Protein backbone atom coordinates (compact mmCIF):
# COMPACT_ATOMS: atom_id res chain seq x y z
CA SER A 1 60.62 66.30 28.78
CA PHE A 2 62.53 64.24 31.35
CA LEU A 3 65.08 66.94 32.17
CA ARG A 4 62.26 69.43 32.79
CA GLN A 5 60.50 67.30 35.42
CA ASP A 6 59.87 69.06 38.73
CA TYR A 7 59.99 65.87 40.82
CA ALA A 8 62.62 66.35 43.54
CA GLY A 9 63.08 62.66 44.38
CA PRO A 10 65.37 60.19 42.65
CA LYS A 11 64.53 59.40 39.06
CA GLU A 12 66.15 57.76 36.08
CA LEU A 13 65.61 57.77 32.33
CA ILE A 14 66.76 54.70 30.43
CA ILE A 15 67.49 55.21 26.75
CA LEU A 16 67.57 51.80 25.11
CA ASN A 17 68.96 52.33 21.61
CA ASP A 18 68.87 49.23 19.43
CA LEU A 19 69.90 50.88 16.15
CA ALA A 20 73.30 49.35 15.29
CA GLU A 21 74.25 52.29 13.04
CA GLN A 22 74.06 54.73 15.96
CA THR A 23 75.93 55.05 19.21
CA LEU A 24 74.21 57.48 21.55
CA HIS A 25 76.17 59.00 24.42
CA ILE A 26 75.19 61.26 27.28
CA VAL A 27 76.77 62.10 30.61
CA HIS A 28 74.04 62.85 33.14
CA PRO A 29 73.53 61.41 36.64
CA GLU A 30 69.86 60.59 35.99
CA ILE A 31 70.15 59.18 32.45
CA VAL A 32 71.40 55.75 31.46
CA CYS A 33 72.04 55.24 27.75
CA ILE A 34 72.47 51.69 26.49
CA ASN A 35 73.42 50.93 22.88
CA LEU A 36 72.75 47.50 21.42
CA LYS A 37 73.81 46.14 18.05
CA GLN A 38 70.75 43.96 17.53
CA ARG A 39 67.16 45.17 17.31
CA PHE A 40 64.53 43.79 19.64
CA ARG A 41 61.94 41.56 18.01
CA SER A 42 59.03 43.59 19.41
CA LEU A 43 58.22 46.75 21.32
CA GLY A 44 56.92 44.69 24.22
CA GLU A 45 60.29 42.96 24.59
CA LYS A 46 62.14 46.28 24.33
CA HIS A 47 60.08 47.82 27.11
CA ASN A 48 60.50 44.70 29.28
CA ALA A 49 64.28 45.01 28.89
CA ALA A 50 64.22 48.68 29.87
CA TYR A 51 62.12 47.97 32.95
CA GLY A 52 64.44 45.11 33.87
CA LEU A 53 67.35 47.56 33.90
CA ALA A 54 65.52 50.14 36.02
CA ARG A 55 67.03 51.06 39.36
CA TYR A 56 63.79 52.27 40.95
CA ASP A 57 60.51 50.48 41.67
CA VAL A 58 57.97 52.82 40.06
CA TYR A 59 57.71 52.76 36.27
CA PHE A 60 56.64 55.51 33.89
CA GLN A 61 56.57 54.57 30.22
CA TRP A 62 58.39 57.36 28.41
CA ASP A 63 57.83 57.08 24.67
CA ASP A 64 60.05 59.42 22.69
CA ASP A 65 57.29 60.72 20.41
CA ASP A 66 55.04 62.00 23.23
CA ILE A 67 55.36 65.15 25.33
CA HIS A 68 55.52 64.70 29.08
CA LEU A 69 54.67 67.87 31.00
CA PRO A 70 57.05 68.93 33.82
CA ARG A 71 54.80 67.65 36.61
CA ARG A 72 54.19 64.18 35.16
CA ILE A 73 56.42 62.31 37.63
CA SER A 74 55.52 64.38 40.71
CA PHE A 75 51.77 64.16 39.96
CA GLY A 76 52.01 60.43 39.31
CA MET A 77 53.94 59.81 42.53
CA GLU A 78 51.42 61.87 44.54
CA ARG A 79 48.48 59.95 43.11
CA LEU A 80 50.15 56.54 43.29
CA GLU A 81 50.49 56.68 47.09
CA ALA A 82 50.14 53.12 48.47
CA ARG A 83 48.46 51.71 45.36
CA GLU A 84 50.04 49.51 42.71
CA PHE A 85 49.17 51.82 39.82
CA PHE A 86 47.90 55.25 38.89
CA HIS A 87 46.17 55.53 35.53
CA PRO A 88 44.59 58.93 34.80
CA ASN A 89 41.31 58.72 32.92
CA LEU A 90 42.39 61.28 30.35
CA THR A 91 45.35 62.75 28.60
CA TYR A 92 45.78 65.21 25.77
CA HIS A 93 45.93 64.00 22.22
CA ARG A 94 47.64 66.04 19.53
CA LYS A 95 46.89 65.17 15.94
CA ASP A 96 47.47 67.43 12.97
CA SER A 97 48.30 70.34 15.34
CA LEU A 98 44.94 70.11 17.14
CA PHE A 99 44.67 69.40 20.87
CA GLN A 100 41.83 67.41 22.33
CA SER A 101 41.34 65.53 25.55
CA HIS A 102 41.43 61.79 25.11
CA PRO A 103 39.04 60.12 27.57
CA HIS A 104 40.35 56.56 27.12
CA PRO A 105 44.14 56.78 27.20
CA SER A 106 46.45 53.81 27.29
CA PRO A 107 47.84 52.83 30.70
CA HIS A 108 51.22 54.14 29.57
CA CYS A 109 50.18 57.68 30.52
CA GLY A 110 50.20 56.61 34.18
CA CYS A 111 52.66 54.76 36.42
CA TRP A 112 52.84 51.47 38.27
CA ARG A 113 54.97 49.59 40.74
CA ARG A 114 57.51 46.93 39.82
CA GLU A 115 55.64 44.30 41.88
CA LEU A 116 52.55 44.67 39.68
CA PHE A 117 54.59 44.53 36.48
CA VAL A 118 56.37 41.34 37.60
CA ARG A 119 53.21 39.67 38.92
CA VAL A 120 51.39 40.22 35.61
CA GLY A 121 54.40 39.01 33.61
CA GLY A 122 55.31 42.34 32.03
CA TYR A 123 54.45 43.10 28.44
CA ARG A 124 53.71 40.44 25.88
CA PRO A 125 56.21 40.17 22.99
CA VAL A 126 54.07 42.08 20.48
CA ASP A 127 54.33 45.47 18.79
CA TYR A 128 50.80 46.79 18.82
CA GLY A 129 48.64 47.00 21.92
CA PHE A 130 51.21 45.64 24.37
CA ASP A 131 50.42 48.47 26.78
CA ILE A 132 46.64 48.05 26.59
CA ASP A 133 47.02 44.27 26.98
CA PHE A 134 49.14 44.86 30.10
CA GLY A 135 46.50 47.20 31.52
CA ASP A 136 43.80 44.60 30.93
CA ARG A 137 45.79 41.77 32.53
CA ALA A 138 46.72 44.00 35.49
CA GLN A 139 43.08 45.09 35.83
CA ILE A 140 44.14 48.73 35.81
CA VAL A 141 41.15 51.00 36.34
CA PRO A 142 41.44 54.69 35.39
CA THR A 143 41.40 57.31 38.15
CA PRO A 144 39.32 60.43 37.38
CA ILE A 145 41.33 63.63 37.03
CA GLU A 146 40.46 67.14 35.93
CA PRO A 147 41.46 68.18 32.38
CA CYS A 148 43.92 70.71 33.82
CA GLU A 149 45.70 67.85 35.64
CA ALA A 150 46.65 65.89 32.49
CA THR A 151 50.41 65.50 32.27
CA MET A 152 51.00 63.89 28.90
CA ILE A 153 50.40 64.87 25.29
CA TYR A 154 50.04 61.83 23.08
CA ARG A 155 51.21 62.81 19.60
CA TRP A 156 49.88 61.19 16.48
CA GLY A 157 50.61 62.00 12.86
CA GLU A 158 52.72 65.10 13.27
CA THR A 159 56.08 63.63 14.23
CA GLN A 160 56.85 62.32 10.72
CA THR A 161 58.15 59.09 12.24
CA CYS A 162 56.90 55.52 12.52
CA HIS A 163 54.09 55.26 15.00
CA ALA A 164 53.30 51.72 16.14
CA SER A 165 49.56 52.34 15.97
CA TRP A 166 49.79 53.01 12.21
CA TRP A 167 51.15 49.60 11.32
CA ALA A 168 50.05 47.30 14.15
CA ASP A 169 51.08 43.78 13.10
CA GLY A 170 54.53 43.55 11.55
CA TRP A 171 55.58 46.90 12.96
CA THR A 172 59.12 45.83 13.83
CA ASP A 173 59.88 44.66 10.28
CA ARG A 174 58.31 47.74 8.72
CA VAL A 175 60.08 50.15 11.03
CA GLY A 176 63.37 48.40 10.24
CA GLU A 177 62.82 49.10 6.54
CA TYR A 178 61.78 52.70 7.28
CA VAL A 179 64.88 53.32 9.42
CA GLN A 180 67.23 51.88 6.79
CA GLN A 181 65.73 54.23 4.19
CA ALA A 182 66.00 57.15 6.63
CA LEU A 183 69.66 56.31 7.30
CA GLN A 184 70.43 56.18 3.57
CA SER A 185 68.74 59.53 2.96
CA LYS A 186 70.44 61.03 6.06
CA GLN A 187 67.11 61.82 7.73
CA VAL A 188 68.34 59.72 10.66
CA PRO A 189 71.94 60.40 11.72
CA SER A 190 74.40 57.55 12.08
CA GLY A 191 77.66 57.14 13.96
CA PHE A 192 78.54 58.52 17.39
CA LEU A 193 76.02 61.06 18.65
CA GLU A 194 76.53 63.12 21.78
CA LEU A 195 73.17 63.97 23.34
């Protein structure tokens, strides 16, 4: 999704891999890949670390299980203008191969400026709801868009992977167990992986 973006300005994707059994590698001027040998304690902390490493001052949360349409960055930058955030009031939701518009999406389908993120204190160190909590603390109000303007497809249930919303509390421990089983069964590759 990132490599297909039509935004002509500078952009950067940060891949923050905290699976010790994998070393991810990619050579691309707009992608930074960082491999860590210790897992983060929560998704909130992992996202805070990624944002702390970011070179640019506008953030787009880029979860690897969602689909980001090619105009996501350009549309977000157009709508952000001089504001601190842009949060579209809908996105698409794909569950069990069905598409439907989702009228109350999480703030992570939009974008926001670094100043807002820092002022609010970033994400809390939790697994479930860290993005919604951030939106509430930042007082992010959705901006109405037309259904044809939605730029993200939130996927649920069809990726066959751990989705934080399934397990809520204790997600980090449970996903650690899931990943170890997937490594043993070779569902998740280990070692050096060229992307």
